[in-house]
Amino acid sequence: MQTHTIPTVHSQDGTFKGFWDNGCQQFLGIRYATSERYCAPIHYSYGDAEHDCSAPSPFPVQLTSTIELTLTGIHYENLPQEEQCQYLSITVPEEANPESRLPVMVWFYGGSYRNGGCDNVFYDRTALVKENGVIVVGINYRLSLLGFVKNREGGFANNGLLDAIEGLRWIHANIEAFGGDPTNVTLFGESAGGDLVRCIMLSEGTDDLYRRAIIQSDPMGTLENREEMERNILDELNELPLDAPIEQLLEAQRAITSHVTERGLAKYLIFAPHVGIYPLPARKDEEKRLREVAPKHEILIGTNARETASYIGGNKLASALDRFVLTRWIIELVLRKKSMAIFTGPTRKFAQLYAKCGGKVHLYSYFWRKNQHVIGAGHITELALLFGGKGLEGTLMAQGLLEREFLEQGKPLRRIWADFAKTGNISTKKIDGMIEIAEV
């Protein structure tokens, strides 16, 4: 590892001093935008000033997720948070320089549009970077009431989505100085992050900000028949003053999420981008937009075999029934039906539509450990392999494995993701016991 100098990058929007980390250069907590509450982001530049990039990006304002706490042990309310959370963090191969022109992968975290942050401990970018010679960037975006409900005038807004797009604009303008190729950018995200990637693709004015996209476990089945629920949430939030303290906003979020009366699948994703609100097209115009997008951008898209298993992992009765051979079929039937409705069915339908619109589509099915653990091949479980399992030992998501096992067993999956980012091609179509990929 190099230790004689501090890695320093001079870019269009500032001079950034990072640090060496396990064979990589790290540049953490770079502000790409600012914003007033409920307003679109405004580009931020450091000018001639040097910025120390040794501290992780603070998290967006959020409450703790019961599901993520059960799976990973993370308690978001105990982590540093900031309302103006528009930061990004960059991990670069050790030997990269401004002439390297390396492929760039941009990560968007999931968390039901309520939770997450780009420097979450188990989104460790170093394995992807070191093994595959790519640059990986994580982008923060505003969540829930601050990111996906309203504007200053009290109407609907997609400010969290606009954050993500502004972050991509910053990358497009600055990543070459870090050794990246701004013409070879791949978006990738999981769950709400996968949905955010799809929404970026549909958005106005984003075509030149990326080359390819990877959409993991997008809960598209929750995105129909949302109008009444979204209107009720907007009406409740509009009762608060624009300058309400953060504590009051979080209490309002607790109240809103506790009494949502929606009976359909939309209740599983209370906050999400609003269709037909800038920069997204109306539902009736989505196929038209896809016909513009698809011929220019290859996608890798798919789901896990037991998506909803992650949501029963903390339930003692369901876990017991899943382990008992005479009752496991009942649990599997319920999981398969719900997973098909929320994830698998809509994903296949979108993949077929994208191909019909002229796009190159690789459709994957992930099934690692599906018969070995109550949450095997459940929602988010592929992330332990994709990012190396850092901080997960001893948690439910680890399924009894050690970090070194995730690092080793995840190498072929990370190679598939990175090879797709480099060329748009799939290097391996099948890994026994883990994943299968087919062209649509």
Protein backbone atom coordinates (compact mmCIF):
# COMPACT_ATOMS: atom_id res chain seq x y z
CA MET A 1 0.00 0.00 0.00
CA GLN A 2 1.21 3.51 -0.76
CA THR A 3 1.81 5.64 2.33
CA HIS A 4 4.28 8.32 1.27
CA THR A 5 1.71 10.84 -0.01
CA ILE A 6 -1.92 11.61 0.66
CA PRO A 7 -4.03 10.83 -2.44
CA THR A 8 -5.15 14.19 -3.79
CA VAL A 9 -7.43 14.96 -6.73
CA HIS A 10 -7.84 18.33 -8.43
CA SER A 11 -11.22 18.41 -10.21
CA GLN A 12 -13.63 20.94 -11.66
CA ASP A 13 -15.46 21.37 -8.36
CA GLY A 14 -12.62 21.27 -5.87
CA THR A 15 -9.44 19.70 -4.58
CA PHE A 16 -10.08 16.55 -2.58
CA LYS A 17 -7.63 14.92 -0.18
CA GLY A 18 -8.45 11.28 0.55
CA PHE A 19 -6.63 8.37 2.18
CA TRP A 20 -5.19 4.95 1.37
CA ASP A 21 -7.38 2.06 2.44
CA ASN A 22 -6.74 -1.63 1.83
CA GLY A 23 -5.34 -1.20 -1.66
CA CYS A 24 -7.71 1.63 -2.64
CA GLN A 25 -7.94 5.38 -2.58
CA GLN A 26 -10.93 6.62 -0.60
CA PHE A 27 -12.59 10.02 -0.97
CA LEU A 28 -15.51 10.21 1.44
CA GLY A 29 -18.18 12.79 2.19
CA ILE A 30 -17.92 15.05 -0.88
CA ARG A 31 -20.83 17.48 -1.06
CA TYR A 32 -22.33 17.57 -4.55
CA ALA A 33 -25.38 19.79 -3.84
CA THR A 34 -27.29 21.78 -1.27
CA SER A 35 -31.01 22.41 -0.94
CA GLU A 36 -33.67 24.26 0.93
CA ARG A 37 -36.27 22.03 2.54
CA TYR A 38 -38.69 20.58 -0.06
CA CYS A 39 -36.73 22.24 -2.90
CA ALA A 40 -34.73 20.83 -5.78
CA PRO A 41 -30.99 20.43 -5.19
CA ILE A 42 -28.53 23.15 -6.20
CA HIS A 43 -25.10 22.19 -7.52
CA TYR A 44 -22.28 22.71 -5.02
CA SER A 45 -18.64 23.51 -5.81
CA TYR A 46 -15.73 23.84 -3.38
CA GLY A 47 -14.01 26.30 -5.70
CA ASP A 48 -10.29 26.61 -5.00
CA ALA A 49 -10.54 25.24 -1.47
CA GLU A 50 -9.10 21.89 -0.46
CA HIS A 51 -11.50 19.45 1.18
CA ASP A 52 -10.56 16.70 3.62
CA CYS A 53 -12.35 13.53 2.49
CA SER A 54 -11.56 11.22 5.39
CA ALA A 55 -14.95 11.21 7.15
CA PRO A 56 -17.89 9.14 5.83
CA SER A 57 -20.93 10.90 4.38
CA PRO A 58 -23.53 11.65 7.06
CA PHE A 59 -26.79 9.76 6.63
CA PRO A 60 -30.03 11.36 5.41
CA VAL A 61 -32.59 12.12 8.11
CA GLN A 62 -34.43 8.89 8.95
CA LEU A 63 -35.92 6.62 11.57
CA THR A 64 -34.60 3.17 12.37
CA SER A 65 -35.89 0.35 10.16
CA THR A 66 -37.26 -2.61 12.11
CA ILE A 67 -36.52 -4.96 9.21
CA GLU A 68 -32.93 -3.79 8.73
CA LEU A 69 -32.33 -3.81 12.48
CA THR A 70 -33.51 -7.44 12.58
CA LEU A 71 -31.41 -8.47 9.57
CA THR A 72 -28.23 -6.43 9.99
CA GLY A 73 -28.27 -4.95 13.49
CA ILE A 74 -28.04 -1.39 12.14
CA HIS A 75 -29.74 1.30 14.22
CA TYR A 76 -30.07 4.32 11.95
CA GLU A 77 -31.24 6.70 14.66
CA ASN A 78 -27.84 6.36 16.35
CA LEU A 79 -25.88 7.37 13.23
CA PRO A 80 -24.83 10.91 12.18
CA GLN A 81 -27.63 12.44 10.11
CA GLU A 82 -28.01 15.66 8.16
CA GLU A 83 -31.01 17.23 6.46
CA GLN A 84 -28.89 18.55 3.59
CA CYS A 85 -27.52 15.07 2.96
CA GLN A 86 -26.33 15.53 -0.62
CA TYR A 87 -22.95 13.86 -0.32
CA LEU A 88 -21.18 11.18 -2.32
CA SER A 89 -18.19 8.95 -1.62
CA ILE A 90 -15.70 7.54 -4.14
CA THR A 91 -13.51 4.43 -3.98
CA VAL A 92 -10.73 4.25 -6.55
CA PRO A 93 -8.10 1.59 -7.36
CA GLU A 94 -4.75 2.34 -5.74
CA GLU A 95 -2.87 3.03 -8.98
CA ALA A 96 -5.58 5.05 -10.75
CA ASN A 97 -4.74 8.50 -12.12
CA PRO A 98 -6.51 11.06 -14.35
CA GLU A 99 -5.41 9.18 -17.48
CA SER A 100 -6.79 5.81 -16.36
CA ARG A 101 -10.31 6.20 -17.82
CA LEU A 102 -11.70 3.36 -15.70
CA PRO A 103 -15.33 2.17 -15.80
CA VAL A 104 -17.46 3.79 -13.11
CA MET A 105 -20.20 2.08 -11.08
CA VAL A 106 -22.62 4.28 -9.13
CA TRP A 107 -24.43 2.69 -6.19
CA PHE A 108 -27.93 3.69 -4.99
CA TYR A 109 -28.91 2.17 -1.64
CA GLY A 110 -32.30 0.66 -0.89
CA GLY A 111 -34.41 0.92 2.24
CA SER A 112 -37.99 1.51 1.07
CA TYR A 113 -37.16 5.17 0.37
CA ARG A 114 -37.12 5.54 4.18
CA ASN A 115 -33.65 4.32 5.11
CA GLY A 116 -30.04 4.01 4.02
CA GLY A 117 -26.89 5.93 3.26
CA CYS A 118 -24.03 5.57 0.79
CA ASP A 119 -21.45 4.87 3.52
CA ASN A 120 -23.47 2.24 5.33
CA VAL A 121 -20.93 -0.17 6.83
CA PHE A 122 -22.10 -3.16 4.77
CA TYR A 123 -21.82 -1.24 1.47
CA ASP A 124 -18.04 -1.66 1.45
CA ARG A 125 -16.90 -0.73 -2.06
CA THR A 126 -13.30 -1.95 -1.74
CA ALA A 127 -13.78 -5.57 -2.89
CA LEU A 128 -15.51 -4.55 -6.13
CA VAL A 129 -12.83 -1.94 -6.78
CA LYS A 130 -9.72 -4.00 -5.96
CA GLU A 131 -10.77 -7.18 -7.71
CA ASN A 132 -12.14 -5.64 -10.89
CA GLY A 133 -10.34 -2.38 -11.61
CA VAL A 134 -13.43 -0.18 -11.51
CA ILE A 135 -14.31 2.99 -9.62
CA VAL A 136 -17.36 2.72 -7.35
CA VAL A 137 -19.29 5.78 -6.17
CA GLY A 138 -22.09 5.88 -3.60
CA ILE A 139 -24.63 8.73 -3.69
CA ASN A 140 -26.81 9.97 -0.84
CA TYR A 141 -30.33 11.22 -1.59
CA ARG A 142 -33.12 12.59 0.60
CA LEU A 143 -35.64 10.11 1.98
CA SER A 144 -39.33 9.83 2.95
CA LEU A 145 -41.04 13.11 3.96
CA LEU A 146 -38.09 15.26 2.89
CA GLY A 147 -37.39 13.47 -0.38
CA PHE A 148 -40.55 11.99 -1.85
CA VAL A 149 -43.66 13.92 -0.85
CA LYS A 150 -43.91 17.67 -1.48
CA ASN A 151 -42.50 20.94 -2.75
CA ARG A 152 -42.58 24.35 -1.01
CA GLU A 153 -46.00 25.13 -2.53
CA GLY A 154 -47.60 22.00 -1.10
CA GLY A 155 -47.76 19.96 -4.31
CA PHE A 156 -46.10 16.64 -5.09
CA ALA A 157 -42.35 16.57 -5.73
CA ASN A 158 -39.56 14.08 -6.43
CA ASN A 159 -36.69 15.83 -4.65
CA GLY A 160 -34.88 12.62 -3.67
CA LEU A 161 -34.84 11.57 -7.32
CA LEU A 162 -33.58 15.02 -8.32
CA ASP A 163 -30.78 14.60 -5.75
CA ALA A 164 -29.69 11.36 -7.40
CA ILE A 165 -29.65 12.97 -10.83
CA GLU A 166 -27.69 15.98 -9.55
CA GLY A 167 -25.16 13.56 -8.05
CA LEU A 168 -24.77 11.94 -11.47
CA ARG A 169 -24.19 15.35 -13.03
CA TRP A 170 -21.40 15.96 -10.50
CA ILE A 171 -19.85 12.60 -11.39
CA HIS A 172 -20.10 13.34 -15.11
CA ALA A 173 -18.23 16.63 -14.59
CA ASN A 174 -15.60 15.45 -12.10
CA ILE A 175 -14.95 11.71 -12.26
CA GLU A 176 -12.26 11.91 -14.96
CA ALA A 177 -9.98 13.66 -12.46
CA PHE A 178 -10.30 10.60 -10.18
CA GLY A 179 -9.36 8.25 -13.06
CA GLY A 180 -12.88 7.45 -14.27
CA ASP A 181 -14.45 7.43 -17.71
CA PRO A 182 -17.52 9.71 -17.71
CA THR A 183 -18.78 7.99 -20.87
CA ASN A 184 -18.77 4.55 -19.22
CA VAL A 185 -20.95 4.90 -16.11
CA THR A 186 -23.15 2.07 -14.83
CA LEU A 187 -25.94 2.71 -12.33
CA PHE A 188 -26.73 -0.07 -9.87
CA GLY A 189 -29.12 -0.26 -6.97
CA GLU A 190 -31.18 -2.70 -4.94
CA SER A 191 -34.81 -2.58 -3.74
CA ALA A 192 -35.77 1.11 -3.58
CA GLY A 193 -32.31 1.79 -4.97
CA GLY A 194 -33.11 -0.42 -7.96
CA ASP A 195 -36.38 1.42 -8.39
CA LEU A 196 -34.50 4.72 -8.21
CA VAL A 197 -32.21 3.52 -11.00
CA ARG A 198 -35.25 2.69 -13.14
CA CYS A 199 -36.74 6.12 -12.39
CA ILE A 200 -33.47 7.85 -13.34
CA MET A 201 -33.65 6.05 -16.68
CA LEU A 202 -37.22 7.24 -17.21
CA SER A 203 -36.42 10.80 -16.15
CA GLU A 204 -36.06 13.76 -18.45
CA GLY A 205 -32.53 14.78 -19.39
CA THR A 206 -30.57 11.83 -18.01
CA ASP A 207 -29.56 9.97 -21.18
CA ASP A 208 -25.94 11.17 -21.23
CA LEU A 209 -25.29 10.65 -17.51
CA TYR A 210 -24.84 6.87 -17.68
CA ARG A 211 -24.21 4.02 -20.13
CA ARG A 212 -25.69 0.93 -18.44
CA ALA A 213 -27.89 0.01 -15.50
CA ILE A 214 -28.27 -2.86 -13.03
CA ILE A 215 -31.67 -3.11 -11.32
CA GLN A 216 -31.81 -5.47 -8.33
CA SER A 217 -35.08 -6.53 -6.66
CA ASP A 218 -37.15 -3.52 -7.69
CA PRO A 219 -40.51 -3.71 -5.82
CA MET A 220 -42.45 -2.63 -8.92
CA GLY A 221 -45.58 -4.44 -7.78
CA THR A 222 -46.10 -1.75 -5.13
CA LEU A 223 -46.26 1.11 -7.63
CA GLU A 224 -49.83 0.75 -8.86
CA ASN A 225 -52.97 2.28 -7.29
CA ARG A 226 -51.06 4.68 -5.04
CA GLU A 227 -52.97 7.89 -5.71
CA GLU A 228 -55.23 7.97 -2.65
CA MET A 229 -52.45 6.93 -0.28
CA GLU A 230 -50.05 9.54 -1.66
CA ARG A 231 -52.68 12.27 -1.45
CA ASN A 232 -53.41 11.44 2.19
CA ILE A 233 -49.70 11.57 3.04
CA LEU A 234 -49.33 14.92 1.26
CA ASP A 235 -52.35 16.36 3.08
CA GLU A 236 -50.96 15.31 6.47
CA LEU A 237 -47.52 16.73 5.76
CA ASN A 238 -49.02 20.02 4.54
CA GLU A 239 -50.51 20.52 8.02
CA LEU A 240 -47.00 21.08 9.38
CA PRO A 241 -45.17 24.40 9.02
CA LEU A 242 -42.43 24.52 6.40
CA ASP A 243 -39.82 25.10 9.09
CA ALA A 244 -41.00 22.37 11.47
CA PRO A 245 -38.15 20.96 13.57
CA ILE A 246 -36.70 17.66 12.37
CA GLU A 247 -38.02 15.95 15.50
CA GLN A 248 -41.55 17.03 14.59
CA LEU A 249 -41.13 15.74 11.05
CA LEU A 250 -39.95 12.37 12.30
CA GLU A 251 -42.89 12.15 14.68
CA ALA A 252 -45.18 12.97 11.76
CA GLN A 253 -43.55 10.19 9.75
CA ARG A 254 -44.14 7.73 12.60
CA ALA A 255 -47.79 8.75 12.69
CA ILE A 256 -48.27 8.62 8.92
CA THR A 257 -46.69 5.20 8.54
CA SER A 258 -48.64 3.77 11.47
CA HIS A 259 -52.09 4.53 10.07
CA VAL A 260 -51.77 4.07 6.31
CA THR A 261 -55.08 2.46 5.31
CA GLU A 262 -54.04 1.28 1.84
CA ARG A 263 -55.00 -2.38 1.48
CA GLY A 264 -53.17 -3.19 -1.73
CA LEU A 265 -49.49 -3.80 -2.41
CA ALA A 266 -48.71 -0.07 -2.30
CA LYS A 267 -48.69 -0.23 1.51
CA TYR A 268 -45.37 -2.08 1.33
CA LEU A 269 -43.69 1.01 -0.18
CA ILE A 270 -45.34 4.05 1.35
CA PHE A 271 -42.83 6.57 -0.05
CA ALA A 272 -41.75 6.45 -3.69
CA PRO A 273 -41.25 8.76 -6.69
CA HIS A 274 -44.49 10.20 -8.06
CA VAL A 275 -45.36 9.24 -11.63
CA GLY A 276 -46.10 12.24 -13.85
CA ILE A 277 -44.29 14.69 -11.56
CA TYR A 278 -41.04 16.22 -12.87
CA PRO A 279 -38.74 14.69 -13.97
CA LEU A 280 -40.86 11.53 -14.50
CA PRO A 281 -43.26 11.05 -17.42
CA ALA A 282 -46.93 10.24 -16.93
CA ARG A 283 -47.76 6.54 -16.81
CA LYS A 284 -49.23 6.65 -20.32
CA ASP A 285 -45.96 8.08 -21.67
CA GLU A 286 -43.56 5.60 -20.02
CA GLU A 287 -43.37 3.24 -23.00
CA LYS A 288 -42.66 6.17 -25.30
CA ARG A 289 -39.81 7.22 -23.01
CA LEU A 290 -38.48 3.65 -22.90
CA ARG A 291 -38.34 3.60 -26.72
CA GLU A 292 -35.97 6.56 -26.48
CA VAL A 293 -33.89 5.05 -23.68
CA ALA A 294 -33.69 1.32 -24.37
CA PRO A 295 -31.67 1.26 -27.61
CA LYS A 296 -28.87 3.23 -25.93
CA HIS A 297 -28.63 1.57 -22.51
CA GLU A 298 -28.16 -2.14 -21.74
CA ILE A 299 -29.64 -3.41 -18.47
CA LEU A 300 -29.04 -6.30 -16.10
CA ILE A 301 -32.18 -6.85 -14.06
CA GLY A 302 -33.51 -9.54 -11.76
CA THR A 303 -34.79 -10.76 -8.42
CA ASN A 304 -34.01 -13.21 -5.65
CA ALA A 305 -35.78 -16.56 -5.46
CA ARG A 306 -37.24 -15.97 -1.96
CA GLU A 307 -37.51 -12.17 -1.80
CA THR A 308 -40.06 -11.97 1.01
CA ALA A 309 -38.23 -14.53 3.18
CA SER A 310 -36.23 -11.64 4.66
CA TYR A 311 -39.41 -10.20 6.14
CA ILE A 312 -40.21 -13.36 8.14
CA GLY A 313 -36.69 -13.98 9.40
CA GLY A 314 -37.39 -12.31 12.74
CA ASN A 315 -40.72 -14.04 13.23
CA LYS A 316 -40.18 -17.05 15.50
CA LEU A 317 -43.32 -18.90 14.42
CA ALA A 318 -42.69 -18.43 10.69
CA SER A 319 -39.04 -19.40 11.14
CA ALA A 320 -40.04 -22.57 12.97
CA LEU A 321 -42.57 -23.50 10.30
CA ASP A 322 -39.94 -22.88 7.62
CA ARG A 323 -37.51 -25.28 9.32
CA PHE A 324 -40.05 -28.06 9.86
CA VAL A 325 -40.28 -30.28 6.78
CA LEU A 326 -44.04 -30.91 7.08
CA THR A 327 -44.92 -27.20 7.15
CA ARG A 328 -42.17 -25.64 5.05
CA TRP A 329 -44.24 -26.01 1.89
CA ILE A 330 -46.88 -23.69 3.39
CA ILE A 331 -44.31 -20.97 4.08
CA GLU A 332 -42.79 -21.45 0.63
CA LEU A 333 -46.20 -21.11 -1.03
CA VAL A 334 -46.88 -17.83 0.77
CA LEU A 335 -43.38 -16.50 0.04
CA ARG A 336 -43.56 -17.44 -3.63
CA LYS A 337 -46.97 -15.80 -4.10
CA LYS A 338 -45.99 -12.54 -2.40
CA SER A 339 -42.55 -12.43 -4.04
CA MET A 340 -44.12 -12.97 -7.46
CA ALA A 341 -46.65 -10.17 -6.91
CA ILE A 342 -44.21 -7.54 -5.60
CA PHE A 343 -40.92 -8.41 -7.29
CA THR A 344 -40.57 -11.26 -9.77
CA GLY A 345 -43.68 -10.87 -11.93
CA PRO A 346 -43.40 -7.10 -12.49
CA THR A 347 -39.64 -7.39 -13.09
CA ARG A 348 -40.12 -9.96 -15.86
CA LYS A 349 -42.83 -7.81 -17.39
CA PHE A 350 -40.58 -4.74 -17.38
CA ALA A 351 -37.67 -6.73 -18.83
CA GLN A 352 -39.86 -7.90 -21.71
CA LEU A 353 -41.14 -4.37 -22.33
CA TYR A 354 -37.59 -2.98 -22.31
CA ALA A 355 -36.52 -5.60 -24.85
CA LYS A 356 -39.58 -4.82 -26.97
CA CYS A 357 -38.54 -1.16 -26.92
CA GLY A 358 -35.18 -2.06 -28.43
CA GLY A 359 -33.03 -2.62 -25.36
CA LYS A 360 -30.51 -5.35 -24.62
CA VAL A 361 -31.73 -7.07 -21.45
CA HIS A 362 -30.06 -9.65 -19.22
CA LEU A 363 -32.52 -11.15 -16.73
CA TYR A 364 -31.11 -12.88 -13.65
CA SER A 365 -32.48 -15.13 -10.92
CA TYR A 366 -30.51 -15.32 -7.67
CA PHE A 367 -31.00 -18.35 -5.44
CA TRP A 368 -27.93 -18.66 -3.19
CA ARG A 369 -28.65 -20.68 0.01
CA LYS A 370 -32.38 -20.77 -0.75
CA ASN A 371 -32.68 -24.23 0.86
CA GLN A 372 -30.16 -23.67 3.65
CA HIS A 373 -31.53 -20.86 5.79
CA VAL A 374 -34.82 -19.19 6.67
CA ILE A 375 -33.78 -16.05 4.76
CA GLY A 376 -31.73 -17.85 2.12
CA ALA A 377 -32.04 -16.00 -1.24
CA GLY A 378 -34.23 -13.43 0.52
CA HIS A 379 -34.45 -9.71 -0.14
CA ILE A 380 -31.07 -7.88 0.11
CA THR A 381 -29.14 -11.11 0.81
CA GLU A 382 -27.12 -10.79 -2.41
CA LEU A 383 -25.58 -7.60 -1.02
CA ALA A 384 -23.52 -9.59 1.48
CA LEU A 385 -21.74 -11.22 -1.46
CA LEU A 386 -21.68 -8.14 -3.66
CA PHE A 387 -20.01 -5.96 -0.99
CA GLY A 388 -18.12 -8.60 0.97
CA GLY A 389 -20.18 -8.96 4.14
CA LYS A 390 -18.42 -6.26 6.18
CA GLY A 391 -20.01 -5.72 9.59
CA LEU A 392 -22.49 -8.57 9.17
CA GLU A 393 -20.88 -11.38 11.15
CA GLY A 394 -23.26 -12.64 13.83
CA THR A 395 -26.34 -11.01 12.26
CA LEU A 396 -29.34 -12.77 10.76
CA MET A 397 -28.29 -11.62 7.29
CA ALA A 398 -24.92 -13.40 7.68
CA GLN A 399 -26.73 -16.75 7.95
CA GLY A 400 -23.91 -18.08 10.14
CA LEU A 401 -21.09 -17.18 7.72
CA LEU A 402 -17.93 -15.16 8.36
CA GLU A 403 -16.81 -12.05 6.49
CA ARG A 404 -13.94 -13.94 4.83
CA GLU A 405 -16.47 -16.44 3.46
CA PHE A 406 -18.55 -13.68 1.92
CA LEU A 407 -15.43 -12.14 0.40
CA GLU A 408 -14.37 -15.42 -1.17
CA GLN A 409 -17.77 -16.73 -2.26
CA GLY A 410 -18.83 -13.35 -3.66
CA LYS A 411 -15.92 -12.99 -6.11
CA PRO A 412 -17.72 -14.51 -9.13
CA LEU A 413 -20.84 -12.39 -8.51
CA ARG A 414 -18.78 -9.22 -8.22
CA ARG A 415 -16.98 -10.15 -11.44
CA ILE A 416 -20.29 -10.52 -13.31
CA TRP A 417 -21.48 -7.10 -12.13
CA ALA A 418 -18.16 -5.43 -12.95
CA ASP A 419 -17.76 -7.11 -16.35
CA PHE A 420 -21.24 -5.94 -17.31
CA ALA A 421 -20.28 -2.42 -16.22
CA LYS A 422 -17.14 -2.57 -18.36
CA THR A 423 -18.60 -3.96 -21.59
CA GLY A 424 -22.35 -4.57 -21.32
CA ASN A 425 -21.72 -8.29 -21.71
CA ILE A 426 -22.24 -11.09 -19.18
CA SER A 427 -19.03 -13.01 -18.54
CA THR A 428 -20.71 -15.95 -16.77
CA LYS A 429 -24.32 -16.96 -17.40
CA LYS A 430 -24.56 -19.41 -14.48
CA ILE A 431 -22.95 -19.99 -11.11
CA ASP A 432 -24.14 -23.27 -9.60
CA GLY A 433 -26.09 -22.70 -6.44
CA MET A 434 -26.09 -18.91 -6.84
CA ILE A 435 -27.37 -17.27 -10.03
CA GLU A 436 -28.59 -17.85 -13.57
CA ILE A 437 -28.73 -15.15 -16.25
CA ALA A 438 -30.55 -15.22 -19.59
CA GLU A 439 -30.89 -12.70 -22.39
CA VAL A 440 -34.49 -11.61 -22.94
